[in-house]
Amino acid sequence: MSDVPMLIDSGADVTLIPQEAVTLLAATMEPDAEYEIMGFDGRKSVARVVNVDLIFLRRVFRGRLLASNQEWGIVGRDVLNHVSVLLDGPRLVWDEQKSPGK
């Protein structure tokens, strides 16, 4: 599945996958694994654990991610710490920051 709407959130500890994408992928939810998460506004919710492969900037991140009840997901620091991303706020765009000579 491609084109899953995701927000880049360097303030988020973990990556969240939208429940709709989890359902369409028929991904395996871990039966007794869930975490309490808190949003920036202090609201708490429970997120279930799902085993999926996330492809971001041509890299595959395999393993346990959390399912979100939102229409979009969040790319958090558990993924962002492994890539170099350039955020251009004035132009409202982002891109992979490539090392010189690559």
PDB file of N, CA and C in Angstrom:
ATOM      1  N   MET A   1       0.848  -1.169   0.000  1.00  0.00           N
ATOM      2  CA  MET A   1       0.000   0.000   0.000  1.00  0.00           C
ATOM      3  C   MET A   1       0.894   1.233   0.000  1.00  0.00           C
ATOM      4  N   SER A   2       0.553   2.200  -0.796  1.00  0.00           N
ATOM      5  CA  SER A   2       1.350   3.427  -0.844  1.00  0.00           C
ATOM      6  C   SER A   2       0.435   4.630  -0.621  1.00  0.00           C
ATOM      7  N   ASP A   3       1.060   5.767  -0.499  1.00  0.00           N
ATOM      8  CA  ASP A   3       0.344   7.038  -0.335  1.00  0.00           C
ATOM      9  C   ASP A   3      -0.537   7.079   0.911  1.00  0.00           C
ATOM     10  N   VAL A   4      -0.029   6.530   1.999  1.00  0.00           N
ATOM     11  CA  VAL A   4      -0.726   6.631   3.282  1.00  0.00           C
ATOM     12  C   VAL A   4      -0.425   8.019   3.842  1.00  0.00           C
ATOM     13  N   PRO A   5      -1.446   8.808   4.176  1.00  0.00           N
ATOM     14  CA  PRO A   5      -1.170  10.153   4.693  1.00  0.00           C
ATOM     15  C   PRO A   5      -0.468  10.085   6.050  1.00  0.00           C
ATOM     16  N   MET A   6       0.698  10.729   6.124  1.00  0.00           N
ATOM     17  CA  MET A   6       1.513  10.716   7.339  1.00  0.00           C
ATOM     18  C   MET A   6       2.016  12.129   7.614  1.00  0.00           C
ATOM     19  N   LEU A   7       2.037  12.512   8.876  1.00  0.00           N
ATOM     20  CA  LEU A   7       2.638  13.769   9.310  1.00  0.00           C
ATOM     21  C   LEU A   7       4.048  13.487   9.806  1.00  0.00           C
ATOM     22  N   ILE A   8       4.979  14.354   9.513  1.00  0.00           N
ATOM     23  CA  ILE A   8       6.319  14.258  10.081  1.00  0.00           C
ATOM     24  C   ILE A   8       6.290  15.041  11.390  1.00  0.00           C
ATOM     25  N   ASP A   9       6.567  14.349  12.495  1.00  0.00           N
ATOM     26  CA  ASP A   9       6.470  14.981  13.814  1.00  0.00           C
ATOM     27  C   ASP A   9       7.710  14.648  14.632  1.00  0.00           C
ATOM     28  N   SER A  10       8.679  15.554  14.615  1.00  0.00           N
ATOM     29  CA  SER A  10       9.925  15.318  15.350  1.00  0.00           C
ATOM     30  C   SER A  10       9.717  15.368  16.863  1.00  0.00           C
ATOM     31  N   GLY A  11       8.547  15.781  17.301  1.00  0.00           N
ATOM     32  CA  GLY A  11       8.235  15.781  18.724  1.00  0.00           C
ATOM     33  C   GLY A  11       7.576  14.496  19.194  1.00  0.00           C
ATOM     34  N   ALA A  12       7.218  13.629  18.249  1.00  0.00           N
ATOM     35  CA  ALA A  12       6.566  12.363  18.604  1.00  0.00           C
ATOM     36  C   ALA A  12       7.627  11.294  18.852  1.00  0.00           C
ATOM     37  N   ASP A  13       7.487  10.586  19.943  1.00  0.00           N
ATOM     38  CA  ASP A  13       8.436   9.513  20.260  1.00  0.00           C
ATOM     39  C   ASP A  13       8.318   8.342  19.300  1.00  0.00           C
ATOM     40  N   VAL A  14       7.088   8.039  18.882  1.00  0.00           N
ATOM     41  CA  VAL A  14       6.836   6.827  18.103  1.00  0.00           C
ATOM     42  C   VAL A  14       6.079   7.139  16.823  1.00  0.00           C
ATOM     43  N   THR A  15       6.134   6.187  15.909  1.00  0.00           N
ATOM     44  CA  THR A  15       5.418   6.273  14.642  1.00  0.00           C
ATOM     45  C   THR A  15       4.067   5.589  14.780  1.00  0.00           C
ATOM     46  N   LEU A  16       3.043   6.231  14.246  1.00  0.00           N
ATOM     47  CA  LEU A  16       1.680   5.697  14.280  1.00  0.00           C
ATOM     48  C   LEU A  16       1.187   5.463  12.858  1.00  0.00           C
ATOM     49  N   ILE A  17       0.569   4.316  12.635  1.00  0.00           N
ATOM     50  CA  ILE A  17       0.011   3.955  11.335  1.00  0.00           C
ATOM     51  C   ILE A  17      -1.510   4.075  11.424  1.00  0.00           C
ATOM     52  N   PRO A  18      -2.169   4.710  10.433  1.00  0.00           N
ATOM     53  CA  PRO A  18      -3.627   4.825  10.501  1.00  0.00           C
ATOM     54  C   PRO A  18      -4.294   3.444  10.496  1.00  0.00           C
ATOM     55  N   GLN A  19      -5.310   3.279  11.326  1.00  0.00           N
ATOM     56  CA  GLN A  19      -6.018   2.004  11.427  1.00  0.00           C
ATOM     57  C   GLN A  19      -6.559   1.558  10.071  1.00  0.00           C
ATOM     58  N   GLU A  20      -7.018   2.498   9.243  1.00  0.00           N
ATOM     59  CA  GLU A  20      -7.541   2.148   7.921  1.00  0.00           C
ATOM     60  C   GLU A  20      -6.476   1.441   7.084  1.00  0.00           C
ATOM     61  N   ALA A  21      -5.238   1.919   7.139  1.00  0.00           N
ATOM     62  CA  ALA A  21      -4.149   1.270   6.398  1.00  0.00           C
ATOM     63  C   ALA A  21      -3.864  -0.111   6.968  1.00  0.00           C
ATOM     64  N   VAL A  22      -3.899  -0.233   8.285  1.00  0.00           N
ATOM     65  CA  VAL A  22      -3.677  -1.529   8.932  1.00  0.00           C
ATOM     66  C   VAL A  22      -4.725  -2.526   8.457  1.00  0.00           C
ATOM     67  N   THR A  23      -5.977  -2.086   8.393  1.00  0.00           N
ATOM     68  CA  THR A  23      -7.073  -2.953   7.957  1.00  0.00           C
ATOM     69  C   THR A  23      -6.902  -3.359   6.498  1.00  0.00           C
ATOM     70  N   LEU A  24      -6.600  -2.400   5.621  1.00  0.00           N
ATOM     71  CA  LEU A  24      -6.429  -2.703   4.197  1.00  0.00           C
ATOM     72  C   LEU A  24      -5.261  -3.649   3.948  1.00  0.00           C
ATOM     73  N   LEU A  25      -4.229  -3.542   4.768  1.00  0.00           N
ATOM     74  CA  LEU A  25      -3.069  -4.427   4.633  1.00  0.00           C
ATOM     75  C   LEU A  25      -3.303  -5.799   5.264  1.00  0.00           C
ATOM     76  N   ALA A  26      -4.380  -5.932   6.005  1.00  0.00           N
ATOM     77  CA  ALA A  26      -4.643  -7.158   6.773  1.00  0.00           C
ATOM     78  C   ALA A  26      -3.430  -7.494   7.640  1.00  0.00           C
ATOM     79  N   ALA A  27      -2.853  -6.453   8.235  1.00  0.00           N
ATOM     80  CA  ALA A  27      -1.657  -6.618   9.070  1.00  0.00           C
ATOM     81  C   ALA A  27      -2.026  -7.283  10.392  1.00  0.00           C
ATOM     82  N   THR A  28      -1.051  -7.956  10.963  1.00  0.00           N
ATOM     83  CA  THR A  28      -1.259  -8.679  12.212  1.00  0.00           C
ATOM     84  C   THR A  28      -1.151  -7.741  13.409  1.00  0.00           C
ATOM     85  N   MET A  29      -2.239  -7.688  14.177  1.00  0.00           N
ATOM     86  CA  MET A  29      -2.225  -6.934  15.430  1.00  0.00           C
ATOM     87  C   MET A  29      -1.800  -7.894  16.532  1.00  0.00           C
ATOM     88  N   GLU A  30      -0.941  -7.441  17.412  1.00  0.00           N
ATOM     89  CA  GLU A  30      -0.543  -8.281  18.540  1.00  0.00           C
ATOM     90  C   GLU A  30      -1.693  -8.282  19.546  1.00  0.00           C
ATOM     91  N   PRO A  31      -2.199  -9.469  19.895  1.00  0.00           N
ATOM     92  CA  PRO A  31      -3.448  -9.558  20.659  1.00  0.00           C
ATOM     93  C   PRO A  31      -3.446  -8.857  22.015  1.00  0.00           C
ATOM     94  N   ASP A  32      -2.395  -8.948  22.762  1.00  0.00           N
ATOM     95  CA  ASP A  32      -2.395  -8.368  24.109  1.00  0.00           C
ATOM     96  C   ASP A  32      -1.390  -7.237  24.259  1.00  0.00           C
ATOM     97  N   ALA A  33      -1.028  -6.612  23.153  1.00  0.00           N
ATOM     98  CA  ALA A  33      -0.017  -5.549  23.212  1.00  0.00           C
ATOM     99  C   ALA A  33      -0.659  -4.216  22.840  1.00  0.00           C
ATOM    100  N   GLU A  34      -0.683  -3.320  23.793  1.00  0.00           N
ATOM    101  CA  GLU A  34      -1.166  -1.974  23.541  1.00  0.00           C
ATOM    102  C   GLU A  34      -0.444  -1.014  24.480  1.00  0.00           C
ATOM    103  N   TYR A  35      -0.389   0.231  24.065  1.00  0.00           N
ATOM    104  CA  TYR A  35       0.314   1.250  24.835  1.00  0.00           C
ATOM    105  C   TYR A  35      -0.594   2.450  25.037  1.00  0.00           C
ATOM    106  N   GLU A  36      -0.468   3.075  26.191  1.00  0.00           N
ATOM    107  CA  GLU A  36      -1.147   4.342  26.413  1.00  0.00           C
ATOM    108  C   GLU A  36      -0.255   5.428  25.832  1.00  0.00           C
ATOM    109  N   ILE A  37      -0.834   6.263  24.997  1.00  0.00           N
ATOM    110  CA  ILE A  37      -0.074   7.358  24.393  1.00  0.00           C
ATOM    111  C   ILE A  37      -0.755   8.675  24.751  1.00  0.00           C
ATOM    112  N   MET A  38       0.022   9.753  24.720  1.00  0.00           N
ATOM    113  CA  MET A  38      -0.505  11.070  25.037  1.00  0.00           C
ATOM    114  C   MET A  38      -0.167  12.027  23.902  1.00  0.00           C
ATOM    115  N   GLY A  39      -1.172  12.750  23.438  1.00  0.00           N
ATOM    116  CA  GLY A  39      -0.982  13.732  22.390  1.00  0.00           C
ATOM    117  C   GLY A  39      -0.400  15.024  22.932  1.00  0.00           C
ATOM    118  N   PHE A  40      -0.073  15.928  22.038  1.00  0.00           N
ATOM    119  CA  PHE A  40       0.517  17.210  22.435  1.00  0.00           C
ATOM    120  C   PHE A  40      -0.424  18.011  23.324  1.00  0.00           C
ATOM    121  N   ASP A  41      -1.722  17.726  23.216  1.00  0.00           N
ATOM    122  CA  ASP A  41      -2.706  18.457  24.010  1.00  0.00           C
ATOM    123  C   ASP A  41      -2.981  17.807  25.364  1.00  0.00           C
ATOM    124  N   GLY A  42      -2.267  16.728  25.671  1.00  0.00           N
ATOM    125  CA  GLY A  42      -2.421  16.066  26.956  1.00  0.00           C
ATOM    126  C   GLY A  42      -3.465  14.966  26.992  1.00  0.00           C
ATOM    127  N   ARG A  43      -4.227  14.815  25.898  1.00  0.00           N
ATOM    128  CA  ARG A  43      -5.230  13.747  25.866  1.00  0.00           C
ATOM    129  C   ARG A  43      -4.553  12.393  25.722  1.00  0.00           C
ATOM    130  N   LYS A  44      -5.061  11.431  26.471  1.00  0.00           N
ATOM    131  CA  LYS A  44      -4.502  10.084  26.433  1.00  0.00           C
ATOM    132  C   LYS A  44      -5.424   9.159  25.647  1.00  0.00           C
ATOM    133  N   SER A  45      -4.811   8.181  24.981  1.00  0.00           N
ATOM    134  CA  SER A  45      -5.565   7.147  24.281  1.00  0.00           C
ATOM    135  C   SER A  45      -4.730   5.873  24.293  1.00  0.00           C
ATOM    136  N   VAL A  46      -5.332   4.807  23.834  1.00  0.00           N
ATOM    137  CA  VAL A  46      -4.643   3.522  23.786  1.00  0.00           C
ATOM    138  C   VAL A  46      -4.406   3.159  22.328  1.00  0.00           C
ATOM    139  N   ALA A  47      -3.193   2.739  22.011  1.00  0.00           N
ATOM    140  CA  ALA A  47      -2.838   2.335  20.649  1.00  0.00           C
ATOM    141  C   ALA A  47      -2.404   0.876  20.670  1.00  0.00           C
ATOM    142  N   ARG A  48      -2.934   0.111  19.738  1.00  0.00           N
ATOM    143  CA  ARG A  48      -2.571  -1.301  19.638  1.00  0.00           C
ATOM    144  C   ARG A  48      -1.318  -1.455  18.793  1.00  0.00           C
ATOM    145  N   VAL A  49      -0.605  -2.541  19.037  1.00  0.00           N
ATOM    146  CA  VAL A  49       0.647  -2.822  18.332  1.00  0.00           C
ATOM    147  C   VAL A  49       0.350  -3.630  17.076  1.00  0.00           C
ATOM    148  N   VAL A  50       0.980  -3.233  15.978  1.00  0.00           N
ATOM    149  CA  VAL A  50       0.810  -3.921  14.704  1.00  0.00           C
ATOM    150  C   VAL A  50       2.188  -4.217  14.124  1.00  0.00           C
ATOM    151  N   ASN A  51       2.319  -5.345  13.464  1.00  0.00           N
ATOM    152  CA  ASN A  51       3.570  -5.715  12.795  1.00  0.00           C
ATOM    153  C   ASN A  51       3.451  -5.381  11.317  1.00  0.00           C
ATOM    154  N   VAL A  52       4.195  -4.391  10.871  1.00  0.00           N
ATOM    155  CA  VAL A  52       4.158  -3.960   9.472  1.00  0.00           C
ATOM    156  C   VAL A  52       5.557  -3.564   9.022  1.00  0.00           C
ATOM    157  N   ASP A  53       5.711  -3.443   7.721  1.00  0.00           N
ATOM    158  CA  ASP A  53       6.913  -2.861   7.132  1.00  0.00           C
ATOM    159  C   ASP A  53       6.541  -1.462   6.661  1.00  0.00           C
ATOM    160  N   LEU A  54       7.259  -0.469   7.132  1.00  0.00           N
ATOM    161  CA  LEU A  54       7.047   0.913   6.721  1.00  0.00           C
ATOM    162  C   LEU A  54       8.203   1.304   5.814  1.00  0.00           C
ATOM    163  N   ILE A  55       7.886   1.793   4.628  1.00  0.00           N
ATOM    164  CA  ILE A  55       8.927   2.278   3.712  1.00  0.00           C
ATOM    165  C   ILE A  55       8.866   3.801   3.729  1.00  0.00           C
ATOM    166  N   PHE A  56       9.983   4.405   4.117  1.00  0.00           N
ATOM    167  CA  PHE A  56      10.085   5.861   4.192  1.00  0.00           C
ATOM    168  C   PHE A  56      11.440   6.255   3.636  1.00  0.00           C
ATOM    169  N   LEU A  57      11.447   7.105   2.617  1.00  0.00           N
ATOM    170  CA  LEU A  57      12.679   7.531   1.947  1.00  0.00           C
ATOM    171  C   LEU A  57      13.500   6.322   1.485  1.00  0.00           C
ATOM    172  N   ARG A  58      12.814   5.387   0.861  1.00  0.00           N
ATOM    173  CA  ARG A  58      13.423   4.185   0.266  1.00  0.00           C
ATOM    174  C   ARG A  58      14.062   3.264   1.299  1.00  0.00           C
ATOM    175  N   ARG A  59      13.806   3.453   2.553  1.00  0.00           N
ATOM    176  CA  ARG A  59      14.305   2.565   3.614  1.00  0.00           C
ATOM    177  C   ARG A  59      13.132   1.801   4.203  1.00  0.00           C
ATOM    178  N   VAL A  60      13.401   0.560   4.556  1.00  0.00           N
ATOM    179  CA  VAL A  60      12.357  -0.278   5.142  1.00  0.00           C
ATOM    180  C   VAL A  60      12.550  -0.328   6.654  1.00  0.00           C
ATOM    181  N   PHE A  61      11.500   0.007   7.370  1.00  0.00           N
ATOM    182  CA  PHE A  61      11.489  -0.072   8.828  1.00  0.00           C
ATOM    183  C   PHE A  61      10.535  -1.203   9.193  1.00  0.00           C
ATOM    184  N   ARG A  62      11.111  -2.306   9.653  1.00  0.00           N
ATOM    185  CA  ARG A  62      10.323  -3.498   9.981  1.00  0.00           C
ATOM    186  C   ARG A  62      10.072  -3.570  11.468  1.00  0.00           C
ATOM    187  N   GLY A  63       8.897  -4.052  11.811  1.00  0.00           N
ATOM    188  CA  GLY A  63       8.690  -4.326  13.221  1.00  0.00           C
ATOM    189  C   GLY A  63       7.380  -3.850  13.768  1.00  0.00           C
ATOM    190  N   ARG A  64       7.421  -3.554  15.036  1.00  0.00           N
ATOM    191  CA  ARG A  64       6.231  -3.203  15.800  1.00  0.00           C
ATOM    192  C   ARG A  64       6.010  -1.695  15.768  1.00  0.00           C
ATOM    193  N   LEU A  65       4.888  -1.306  15.212  1.00  0.00           N
ATOM    194  CA  LEU A  65       4.478   0.090  15.219  1.00  0.00           C
ATOM    195  C   LEU A  65       3.108   0.161  15.882  1.00  0.00           C
ATOM    196  N   LEU A  66       2.628   1.350  16.102  1.00  0.00           N
ATOM    197  CA  LEU A  66       1.340   1.524  16.764  1.00  0.00           C
ATOM    198  C   LEU A  66       0.277   1.950  15.762  1.00  0.00           C
ATOM    199  N   ALA A  67      -0.928   1.428  15.939  1.00  0.00           N
ATOM    200  CA  ALA A  67      -2.056   1.787  15.076  1.00  0.00           C
ATOM    201  C   ALA A  67      -2.769   3.000  15.667  1.00  0.00           C
ATOM    202  N   SER A  68      -3.144   3.924  14.796  1.00  0.00           N
ATOM    203  CA  SER A  68      -3.804   5.164  15.200  1.00  0.00           C
ATOM    204  C   SER A  68      -5.244   5.174  14.700  1.00  0.00           C
ATOM    205  N   ASN A  69      -6.142   5.757  15.470  1.00  0.00           N
ATOM    206  CA  ASN A  69      -7.532   5.890  15.033  1.00  0.00           C
ATOM    207  C   ASN A  69      -7.760   7.163  14.222  1.00  0.00           C
ATOM    208  N   GLN A  70      -6.694   7.838  13.848  1.00  0.00           N
ATOM    209  CA  GLN A  70      -6.799   9.044  13.030  1.00  0.00           C
ATOM    210  C   GLN A  70      -6.809   8.665  11.546  1.00  0.00           C
ATOM    211  N   GLU A  71      -7.173   9.627  10.698  1.00  0.00           N
ATOM    212  CA  GLU A  71      -7.162   9.402   9.251  1.00  0.00           C
ATOM    213  C   GLU A  71      -5.746   9.436   8.692  1.00  0.00           C
ATOM    214  N   TRP A  72      -4.801   9.905   9.473  1.00  0.00           N
ATOM    215  CA  TRP A  72      -3.414  10.018   9.044  1.00  0.00           C
ATOM    216  C   TRP A  72      -2.529   9.370  10.095  1.00  0.00           C
ATOM    217  N   GLY A  73      -1.315   9.070   9.689  1.00  0.00           N
ATOM    218  CA  GLY A  73      -0.343   8.529  10.626  1.00  0.00           C
ATOM    219  C   GLY A  73       0.660   9.597  11.014  1.00  0.00           C
ATOM    220  N   ILE A  74       1.609   9.202  11.830  1.00  0.00           N
ATOM    221  CA  ILE A  74       2.668  10.107  12.277  1.00  0.00           C
ATOM    222  C   ILE A  74       3.999   9.392  12.129  1.00  0.00           C
ATOM    223  N   VAL A  75       4.942  10.040  11.463  1.00  0.00           N
ATOM    224  CA  VAL A  75       6.313   9.534  11.417  1.00  0.00           C
ATOM    225  C   VAL A  75       7.035  10.181  12.589  1.00  0.00           C
ATOM    226  N   GLY A  76       7.354   9.378  13.588  1.00  0.00           N
ATOM    227  CA  GLY A  76       7.977   9.881  14.807  1.00  0.00           C
ATOM    228  C   GLY A  76       9.476   9.656  14.839  1.00  0.00           C
ATOM    229  N   ARG A  77      10.076   9.993  15.985  1.00  0.00           N
ATOM    230  CA  ARG A  77      11.539   9.923  16.110  1.00  0.00           C
ATOM    231  C   ARG A  77      12.092   8.510  16.006  1.00  0.00           C
ATOM    232  N   ASP A  78      11.277   7.483  16.300  1.00  0.00           N
ATOM    233  CA  ASP A  78      11.787   6.118  16.157  1.00  0.00           C
ATOM    234  C   ASP A  78      12.189   5.825  14.719  1.00  0.00           C
ATOM    235  N   VAL A  79      11.596   6.528  13.754  1.00  0.00           N
ATOM    236  CA  VAL A  79      11.981   6.425  12.340  1.00  0.00           C
ATOM    237  C   VAL A  79      12.881   7.596  11.952  1.00  0.00           C
ATOM    238  N   LEU A  80      12.509   8.804  12.336  1.00  0.00           N
ATOM    239  CA  LEU A  80      13.253   9.999  11.919  1.00  0.00           C
ATOM    240  C   LEU A  80      14.703   9.995  12.379  1.00  0.00           C
ATOM    241  N   ASN A  81      15.001   9.333  13.483  1.00  0.00           N
ATOM    242  CA  ASN A  81      16.386   9.284  13.964  1.00  0.00           C
ATOM    243  C   ASN A  81      17.306   8.485  13.047  1.00  0.00           C
ATOM    244  N   HIS A  82      16.743   7.811  12.042  1.00  0.00           N
ATOM    245  CA  HIS A  82      17.545   6.996  11.122  1.00  0.00           C
ATOM    246  C   HIS A  82      17.685   7.623   9.738  1.00  0.00           C
ATOM    247  N   VAL A  83      17.110   8.799   9.540  1.00  0.00           N
ATOM    248  CA  VAL A  83      17.175   9.470   8.240  1.00  0.00           C
ATOM    249  C   VAL A  83      17.535  10.939   8.451  1.00  0.00           C
ATOM    250  N   SER A  84      17.918  11.589   7.370  1.00  0.00           N
ATOM    251  CA  SER A  84      18.211  13.015   7.423  1.00  0.00           C
ATOM    252  C   SER A  84      17.182  13.731   6.550  1.00  0.00           C
ATOM    253  N   VAL A  85      16.352  14.543   7.187  1.00  0.00           N
ATOM    254  CA  VAL A  85      15.265  15.222   6.494  1.00  0.00           C
ATOM    255  C   VAL A  85      15.459  16.728   6.630  1.00  0.00           C
ATOM    256  N   LEU A  86      15.266  17.438   5.525  1.00  0.00           N
ATOM    257  CA  LEU A  86      15.346  18.892   5.521  1.00  0.00           C
ATOM    258  C   LEU A  86      13.929  19.448   5.437  1.00  0.00           C
ATOM    259  N   LEU A  87      13.529  20.200   6.456  1.00  0.00           N
ATOM    260  CA  LEU A  87      12.218  20.840   6.469  1.00  0.00           C
ATOM    261  C   LEU A  87      12.385  22.293   6.038  1.00  0.00           C
ATOM    262  N   ASP A  88      11.669  22.690   4.998  1.00  0.00           N
ATOM    263  CA  ASP A  88      11.713  24.060   4.493  1.00  0.00           C
ATOM    264  C   ASP A  88      10.383  24.724   4.835  1.00  0.00           C
ATOM    265  N   GLY A  89      10.328  25.312   6.022  1.00  0.00           N
ATOM    266  CA  GLY A  89       9.096  25.910   6.513  1.00  0.00           C
ATOM    267  C   GLY A  89       8.518  26.996   5.629  1.00  0.00           C
ATOM    268  N   PRO A  90       9.326  27.960   5.171  1.00  0.00           N
ATOM    269  CA  PRO A  90       8.758  29.028   4.350  1.00  0.00           C
ATOM    270  C   PRO A  90       8.072  28.514   3.081  1.00  0.00           C
ATOM    271  N   ARG A  91       8.602  27.439   2.506  1.00  0.00           N
ATOM    272  CA  ARG A  91       8.000  26.895   1.282  1.00  0.00           C
ATOM    273  C   ARG A  91       7.030  25.744   1.564  1.00  0.00           C
ATOM    274  N   LEU A  92       6.909  25.358   2.851  1.00  0.00           N
ATOM    275  CA  LEU A  92       6.005  24.282   3.260  1.00  0.00           C
ATOM    276  C   LEU A  92       6.292  22.973   2.534  1.00  0.00           C
ATOM    277  N   VAL A  93       7.590  22.653   2.407  1.00  0.00           N
ATOM    278  CA  VAL A  93       7.996  21.395   1.773  1.00  0.00           C
ATOM    279  C   VAL A  93       9.069  20.730   2.621  1.00  0.00           C
ATOM    280  N   TRP A  94       9.290  19.460   2.368  1.00  0.00           N
ATOM    281  CA  TRP A  94      10.365  18.718   3.018  1.00  0.00           C
ATOM    282  C   TRP A  94      10.965  17.785   1.984  1.00  0.00           C
ATOM    283  N   ASP A  95      12.180  17.366   2.245  1.00  0.00           N
ATOM    284  CA  ASP A  95      12.855  16.438   1.339  1.00  0.00           C
ATOM    285  C   ASP A  95      13.962  15.736   2.113  1.00  0.00           C
ATOM    286  N   GLU A  96      14.430  14.660   1.547  1.00  0.00           N
ATOM    287  CA  GLU A  96      15.572  13.965   2.132  1.00  0.00           C
ATOM    288  C   GLU A  96      16.800  14.845   1.970  1.00  0.00           C
ATOM    289  N   GLN A  97      17.565  14.998   3.030  1.00  0.00           N
ATOM    290  CA  GLN A  97      18.803  15.757   2.942  1.00  0.00           C
ATOM    291  C   GLN A  97      19.904  14.783   2.576  1.00  0.00           C
ATOM    292  N   LYS A  98      20.460  14.983   1.403  1.00  0.00           N
ATOM    293  CA  LYS A  98      21.490  14.078   0.916  1.00  0.00           C
ATOM    294  C   LYS A  98      22.865  14.576   1.335  1.00  0.00           C
ATOM    295  N   SER A  99      23.744  13.640   1.612  1.00  0.00           N
ATOM    296  CA  SER A  99      25.122  13.989   1.946  1.00  0.00           C
ATOM    297  C   SER A  99      25.825  14.492   0.700  1.00  0.00           C
ATOM    298  N   PRO A 100      26.779  15.424   0.843  1.00  0.00           N
ATOM    299  CA  PRO A 100      27.527  15.908  -0.324  1.00  0.00           C
ATOM    300  C   PRO A 100      28.202  14.747  -1.050  1.00  0.00           C
ATOM    301  N   GLY A 101      28.155  14.788  -2.364  1.00  0.00           N
ATOM    302  CA  GLY A 101      28.808  13.758  -3.171  1.00  0.00           C
ATOM    303  C   GLY A 101      27.945  12.538  -3.420  1.00  0.00           C
ATOM    304  N   LYS A 102      26.704  12.557  -2.980  1.00  0.00           N
ATOM    305  CA  LYS A 102      25.812  11.409  -3.219  1.00  0.00           C
ATOM    306  C   LYS A 102      24.731  11.757  -4.189  1.00  0.00           C
TER     307      LYS A 102
END
